[in-house]
Amino acid sequence: MNVAIPDSLQKFIEEQVRSGRYPNPEAFVAELVKTEAQVFERARVGEPIAIDEHFGRRLEVLLDEAEKSGDYTEVTKDEFDAMEREGLELARNRRSP
């Protein structure tokens, strides 16, 4: 089977291969299809499906980005609380029409 990948996704796939998680683009696409097939099968047989099946993948990407971003920066509780408030405000605004 041959699959045409849009040019807009080529860079993303190449980044996944360069990350070392996949030996080649075909392995990345095969893993992606396998994961989605598992979700569809679970739904077909009536198993509950988590709201976000891709949480683990997104978390892995965020952790990789954090690791590559440089040294950790310590923050105070007040600074962290301010960041949390800002994040909650952004989330509220995103949901508001």
N, C-alpha and C. Protein backbone atom coordinates (compact mmCIF):
# COMPACT_ATOMS: atom_id res chain seq x y z
N MET A 1 0.84 -1.17 0.00
CA MET A 1 0.00 0.00 0.00
C MET A 1 0.89 1.24 0.00
N ASN A 2 0.56 2.19 -0.83
CA ASN A 2 1.27 3.47 -0.86
C ASN A 2 0.33 4.54 -0.33
N VAL A 3 0.87 5.40 0.49
CA VAL A 3 0.08 6.49 1.07
C VAL A 3 0.76 7.80 0.75
N ALA A 4 -0.01 8.75 0.24
CA ALA A 4 0.53 10.07 -0.05
C ALA A 4 0.42 10.93 1.21
N ILE A 5 1.53 11.47 1.64
CA ILE A 5 1.57 12.33 2.81
C ILE A 5 1.65 13.78 2.33
N PRO A 6 0.74 14.64 2.79
CA PRO A 6 0.80 16.04 2.36
C PRO A 6 2.14 16.67 2.74
N ASP A 7 2.59 17.58 1.91
CA ASP A 7 3.86 18.27 2.17
C ASP A 7 3.86 18.92 3.54
N SER A 8 2.70 19.40 3.97
CA SER A 8 2.62 20.09 5.26
C SER A 8 2.93 19.18 6.44
N LEU A 9 2.88 17.86 6.24
CA LEU A 9 3.17 16.92 7.32
C LEU A 9 4.54 16.27 7.21
N GLN A 10 5.22 16.46 6.09
CA GLN A 10 6.53 15.83 5.89
C GLN A 10 7.53 16.22 6.98
N LYS A 11 7.60 17.51 7.31
CA LYS A 11 8.55 17.97 8.31
C LYS A 11 8.28 17.32 9.66
N PHE A 12 7.00 17.24 10.02
CA PHE A 12 6.63 16.62 11.28
C PHE A 12 7.10 15.16 11.34
N ILE A 13 6.85 14.42 10.28
CA ILE A 13 7.26 13.01 10.24
C ILE A 13 8.78 12.90 10.31
N GLU A 14 9.47 13.74 9.58
CA GLU A 14 10.94 13.72 9.62
C GLU A 14 11.47 14.02 11.02
N GLU A 15 10.81 14.94 11.73
CA GLU A 15 11.22 15.25 13.10
C GLU A 15 11.04 14.04 14.01
N GLN A 16 9.97 13.30 13.81
CA GLN A 16 9.73 12.11 14.62
C GLN A 16 10.82 11.07 14.40
N VAL A 17 11.24 10.91 13.16
CA VAL A 17 12.32 9.97 12.85
C VAL A 17 13.64 10.45 13.43
N ARG A 18 13.94 11.76 13.27
CA ARG A 18 15.19 12.31 13.81
C ARG A 18 15.25 12.21 15.33
N SER A 19 14.09 12.19 15.99
CA SER A 19 14.06 12.10 17.45
C SER A 19 14.61 10.76 17.94
N GLY A 20 14.68 9.79 17.02
CA GLY A 20 15.18 8.47 17.40
C GLY A 20 14.08 7.51 17.84
N ARG A 21 12.86 8.00 17.93
CA ARG A 21 11.75 7.13 18.35
C ARG A 21 11.37 6.12 17.27
N TYR A 22 11.66 6.48 16.01
CA TYR A 22 11.27 5.62 14.89
C TYR A 22 12.46 5.49 13.95
N PRO A 23 12.68 4.30 13.39
CA PRO A 23 13.83 4.11 12.51
C PRO A 23 13.66 4.75 11.13
N ASN A 24 12.39 4.96 10.72
CA ASN A 24 12.12 5.53 9.40
C ASN A 24 10.68 6.03 9.36
N PRO A 25 10.32 6.79 8.31
CA PRO A 25 8.96 7.32 8.23
C PRO A 25 7.89 6.23 8.21
N GLU A 26 8.19 5.12 7.57
CA GLU A 26 7.21 4.03 7.50
C GLU A 26 6.87 3.49 8.88
N ALA A 27 7.87 3.40 9.75
CA ALA A 27 7.63 2.90 11.12
C ALA A 27 6.75 3.87 11.89
N PHE A 28 6.97 5.16 11.70
CA PHE A 28 6.13 6.16 12.38
C PHE A 28 4.68 6.03 11.93
N VAL A 29 4.46 5.98 10.62
CA VAL A 29 3.09 5.88 10.09
C VAL A 29 2.44 4.57 10.54
N ALA A 30 3.20 3.49 10.51
CA ALA A 30 2.65 2.19 10.94
C ALA A 30 2.22 2.24 12.41
N GLU A 31 3.03 2.85 13.27
CA GLU A 31 2.69 2.97 14.69
C GLU A 31 1.45 3.84 14.87
N LEU A 32 1.37 4.90 14.12
CA LEU A 32 0.22 5.79 14.18
C LEU A 32 -1.07 5.06 13.80
N VAL A 33 -1.03 4.31 12.70
CA VAL A 33 -2.20 3.57 12.25
C VAL A 33 -2.55 2.47 13.25
N LYS A 34 -1.54 1.79 13.79
CA LYS A 34 -1.79 0.74 14.79
C LYS A 34 -2.50 1.30 16.02
N THR A 35 -2.03 2.44 16.49
CA THR A 35 -2.64 3.07 17.66
C THR A 35 -4.09 3.44 17.38
N GLU A 36 -4.33 4.03 16.23
CA GLU A 36 -5.70 4.42 15.89
C GLU A 36 -6.59 3.18 15.71
N ALA A 37 -6.05 2.13 15.14
CA ALA A 37 -6.83 0.89 14.97
C ALA A 37 -7.24 0.32 16.32
N GLN A 38 -6.36 0.41 17.29
CA GLN A 38 -6.68 -0.07 18.64
C GLN A 38 -7.83 0.73 19.25
N VAL A 39 -7.81 2.04 19.04
CA VAL A 39 -8.90 2.89 19.55
C VAL A 39 -10.21 2.50 18.88
N PHE A 40 -10.21 2.35 17.56
CA PHE A 40 -11.42 1.98 16.85
C PHE A 40 -11.93 0.60 17.29
N GLU A 41 -11.03 -0.33 17.51
CA GLU A 41 -11.44 -1.67 17.95
C GLU A 41 -12.07 -1.61 19.33
N ARG A 42 -11.47 -0.85 20.23
CA ARG A 42 -12.04 -0.70 21.57
C ARG A 42 -13.44 -0.11 21.49
N ALA A 43 -13.62 0.88 20.63
CA ALA A 43 -14.94 1.49 20.47
C ALA A 43 -15.92 0.49 19.87
N ARG A 44 -15.46 -0.30 18.91
CA ARG A 44 -16.32 -1.28 18.24
C ARG A 44 -16.90 -2.29 19.21
N VAL A 45 -16.08 -2.73 20.17
CA VAL A 45 -16.55 -3.74 21.12
C VAL A 45 -17.20 -3.14 22.36
N GLY A 46 -17.33 -1.79 22.35
CA GLY A 46 -18.05 -1.14 23.43
C GLY A 46 -17.24 -0.79 24.65
N GLU A 47 -15.92 -0.89 24.56
CA GLU A 47 -15.08 -0.51 25.70
C GLU A 47 -15.06 1.00 25.84
N PRO A 48 -14.98 1.47 27.07
CA PRO A 48 -14.88 2.93 27.24
C PRO A 48 -13.53 3.41 26.70
N ILE A 49 -13.57 4.58 26.12
CA ILE A 49 -12.36 5.18 25.57
C ILE A 49 -12.11 6.48 26.33
N ALA A 50 -10.88 6.66 26.73
CA ALA A 50 -10.53 7.87 27.45
C ALA A 50 -10.86 9.10 26.60
N ILE A 51 -11.15 10.18 27.26
CA ILE A 51 -11.48 11.42 26.55
C ILE A 51 -10.35 11.79 25.60
N ASP A 52 -9.12 11.56 26.02
CA ASP A 52 -7.99 11.94 25.19
C ASP A 52 -7.03 10.77 25.06
N GLU A 53 -7.15 10.05 23.97
CA GLU A 53 -6.32 8.88 23.73
C GLU A 53 -4.86 9.23 23.47
N HIS A 54 -4.59 10.49 23.16
CA HIS A 54 -3.24 10.87 22.77
C HIS A 54 -2.48 11.62 23.86
N PHE A 55 -2.98 11.57 25.07
CA PHE A 55 -2.34 12.29 26.18
C PHE A 55 -0.89 11.86 26.34
N GLY A 56 -0.64 10.55 26.31
CA GLY A 56 0.72 10.04 26.49
C GLY A 56 1.68 10.57 25.45
N ARG A 57 1.24 10.62 24.21
CA ARG A 57 2.10 11.13 23.14
C ARG A 57 2.39 12.61 23.33
N ARG A 58 1.36 13.38 23.67
CA ARG A 58 1.56 14.81 23.87
C ARG A 58 2.48 15.07 25.05
N LEU A 59 2.30 14.30 26.11
CA LEU A 59 3.16 14.46 27.28
C LEU A 59 4.61 14.16 26.92
N GLU A 60 4.83 13.12 26.14
CA GLU A 60 6.19 12.76 25.72
C GLU A 60 6.83 13.91 24.94
N VAL A 61 6.07 14.52 24.04
CA VAL A 61 6.59 15.64 23.26
C VAL A 61 6.93 16.82 24.17
N LEU A 62 6.03 17.12 25.11
CA LEU A 62 6.29 18.23 26.02
C LEU A 62 7.51 17.98 26.89
N LEU A 63 7.67 16.75 27.35
CA LEU A 63 8.84 16.43 28.16
C LEU A 63 10.12 16.53 27.34
N ASP A 64 10.07 16.10 26.09
CA ASP A 64 11.23 16.24 25.21
C ASP A 64 11.58 17.71 25.01
N GLU A 65 10.56 18.53 24.78
CA GLU A 65 10.80 19.96 24.60
C GLU A 65 11.40 20.58 25.85
N ALA A 66 10.88 20.19 27.00
CA ALA A 66 11.39 20.72 28.27
C ALA A 66 12.86 20.35 28.46
N GLU A 67 13.18 19.11 28.13
CA GLU A 67 14.56 18.64 28.29
C GLU A 67 15.52 19.40 27.39
N LYS A 68 15.06 19.74 26.18
CA LYS A 68 15.92 20.43 25.22
C LYS A 68 15.97 21.94 25.46
N SER A 69 15.09 22.46 26.31
CA SER A 69 14.98 23.91 26.45
C SER A 69 16.07 24.53 27.32
N GLY A 70 16.87 23.72 27.95
CA GLY A 70 17.96 24.27 28.75
C GLY A 70 17.77 23.99 30.23
N ASP A 71 18.52 24.74 31.03
CA ASP A 71 18.48 24.54 32.47
C ASP A 71 17.12 24.90 33.04
N TYR A 72 16.81 24.24 34.16
CA TYR A 72 15.56 24.52 34.85
C TYR A 72 15.65 25.88 35.52
N THR A 73 14.52 26.53 35.61
CA THR A 73 14.42 27.81 36.29
C THR A 73 13.55 27.62 37.52
N GLU A 74 14.08 27.94 38.67
CA GLU A 74 13.29 27.81 39.88
C GLU A 74 12.34 28.99 39.98
N VAL A 75 11.13 28.71 40.45
CA VAL A 75 10.15 29.76 40.65
C VAL A 75 9.60 29.67 42.07
N THR A 76 9.13 30.79 42.56
CA THR A 76 8.52 30.80 43.89
C THR A 76 7.07 30.32 43.78
N LYS A 77 6.47 30.06 44.92
CA LYS A 77 5.07 29.64 44.93
C LYS A 77 4.20 30.73 44.32
N ASP A 78 4.47 31.97 44.63
CA ASP A 78 3.69 33.08 44.08
C ASP A 78 3.81 33.13 42.56
N GLU A 79 5.02 32.93 42.04
CA GLU A 79 5.21 32.94 40.59
C GLU A 79 4.46 31.78 39.94
N PHE A 80 4.53 30.60 40.58
CA PHE A 80 3.83 29.44 40.04
C PHE A 80 2.32 29.69 40.06
N ASP A 81 1.82 30.24 41.17
CA ASP A 81 0.39 30.53 41.27
C ASP A 81 -0.05 31.51 40.18
N ALA A 82 0.79 32.50 39.89
CA ALA A 82 0.47 33.47 38.84
C ALA A 82 0.43 32.78 37.47
N MET A 83 1.37 31.88 37.22
CA MET A 83 1.37 31.14 35.96
C MET A 83 0.12 30.27 35.84
N GLU A 84 -0.27 29.65 36.96
CA GLU A 84 -1.47 28.81 36.96
C GLU A 84 -2.71 29.65 36.66
N ARG A 85 -2.82 30.82 37.29
CA ARG A 85 -3.97 31.71 37.04
C ARG A 85 -4.01 32.11 35.57
N GLU A 86 -2.84 32.43 35.01
CA GLU A 86 -2.77 32.82 33.60
C GLU A 86 -3.22 31.67 32.70
N GLY A 87 -2.78 30.47 33.00
CA GLY A 87 -3.18 29.31 32.21
C GLY A 87 -4.68 29.05 32.29
N LEU A 88 -5.23 29.18 33.48
CA LEU A 88 -6.68 28.99 33.64
C LEU A 88 -7.45 30.05 32.88
N GLU A 89 -6.96 31.27 32.91
CA GLU A 89 -7.62 32.36 32.17
C GLU A 89 -7.57 32.10 30.67
N LEU A 90 -6.43 31.64 30.17
CA LEU A 90 -6.32 31.30 28.75
C LEU A 90 -7.30 30.19 28.38
N ALA A 91 -7.42 29.18 29.24
CA ALA A 91 -8.35 28.08 28.98
C ALA A 91 -9.79 28.58 28.98
N ARG A 92 -10.14 29.43 29.93
CA ARG A 92 -11.51 29.98 29.99
C ARG A 92 -11.80 30.79 28.72
N ASN A 93 -10.85 31.60 28.29
CA ASN A 93 -11.04 32.41 27.09
C ASN A 93 -11.17 31.56 25.83
N ARG A 94 -10.49 30.45 25.80
CA ARG A 94 -10.55 29.56 24.64
C ARG A 94 -11.95 28.94 24.52
N ARG A 95 -12.57 28.64 25.65
CA ARG A 95 -13.90 28.03 25.64
C ARG A 95 -15.00 29.05 25.38
N SER A 96 -14.75 30.31 25.67
CA SER A 96 -15.76 31.35 25.49
C SER A 96 -15.88 31.72 24.03
N PRO A 97 -17.13 31.88 23.55
CA PRO A 97 -17.29 32.26 22.12
C PRO A 97 -16.90 33.69 21.86
